Amino acid sequence: MFKKFGLIAAAAMLATGAFSSANAADVIRVGTEATYAPFEFMDENAKPQGYDIDIINAIGEAMGYEVEVVNMPFDGLIPALMTSQIDAVIAAMTITEERAKRVDFSEPYYKSGLSVLILEQNKDKYKTLESLKGQPLCAQIGTTGAMKAEELSPGNAKSFNTEPEAFMELKAGGCQGVVNDRPVNLYYLSSNASEGVIEMSEMITAEDYGIAVNKGNTEMKQIIDEGLKKIRDNGKFAEIHKKWFKVAQ
């Protein structure tokens, strides 16, 4: 766990621009849910990688901190943050009013939106979101996609622990659509596993992703926000974005 006393000292030194070598060695424990490519997923060596992982590591480097990434279920991230098991969360987490009652968010670092994947064979059947209402829908538990799926099909939405499970359910015919963040949907569509699946042309929402910290932890929020600004200014942010999405921003 991030050293609380070290964090307070680091925040104080941040205001004066002075960091000691001891503070520079401090570790920020960051929670994620590494089944959400391209934002976070496990590589062949069982190490978290992805867009979010690169962003938080760049922030840590810019601010003089080591970053330890902790993988856990998505619906356990905020509880772990609230009980100080971790210091921050980066997990393609949409900034919502409901979540903001429990945690504080950094400045937005990614603009996203929800879209729906359907089977190609159903493209004439489901041309609009209206046509999907009441149909069985899939999403990952605890996400805004799951909330929207329940809104579109009350009592007929299925939640899964991971997005790959939701995609598998769609291909097996267990649901008529997967509601998910569009970048993740597009990443899935670029894979061989997506044969026979297409994206509906009608988008659902536009959303901002933020890095969550414990409510009232102004020191950690300041460190993350300043780190974000630094990597935007020095070009590292654009470099990471281009690496994962083929465009600078």
Foldseek 3Di string as FASTA:
>chain_A
DFDPVLLVVLLVCVVVVDDDLVSLETEFEEEEAAQQPQQWHADPVRDIDHLVVLLVCLLSVLSSHHYHYDHDFPVCRLVCQQVVVGFKYAYQAFDDPVVCVFWPWAPFLDKWFKWKKFFPVCCVQPQDLLSQAQWQEEEAPPGVQQVVNCVRHPPRYDHDRHPVVRLVCRVVVVTGIYIDIVVSVVVVCVDPVQPRMDIHPDTDTMTTGTMIGGPPPVSVSVSSNVSSVVCVVVLVSQVSCCVRPVGSD
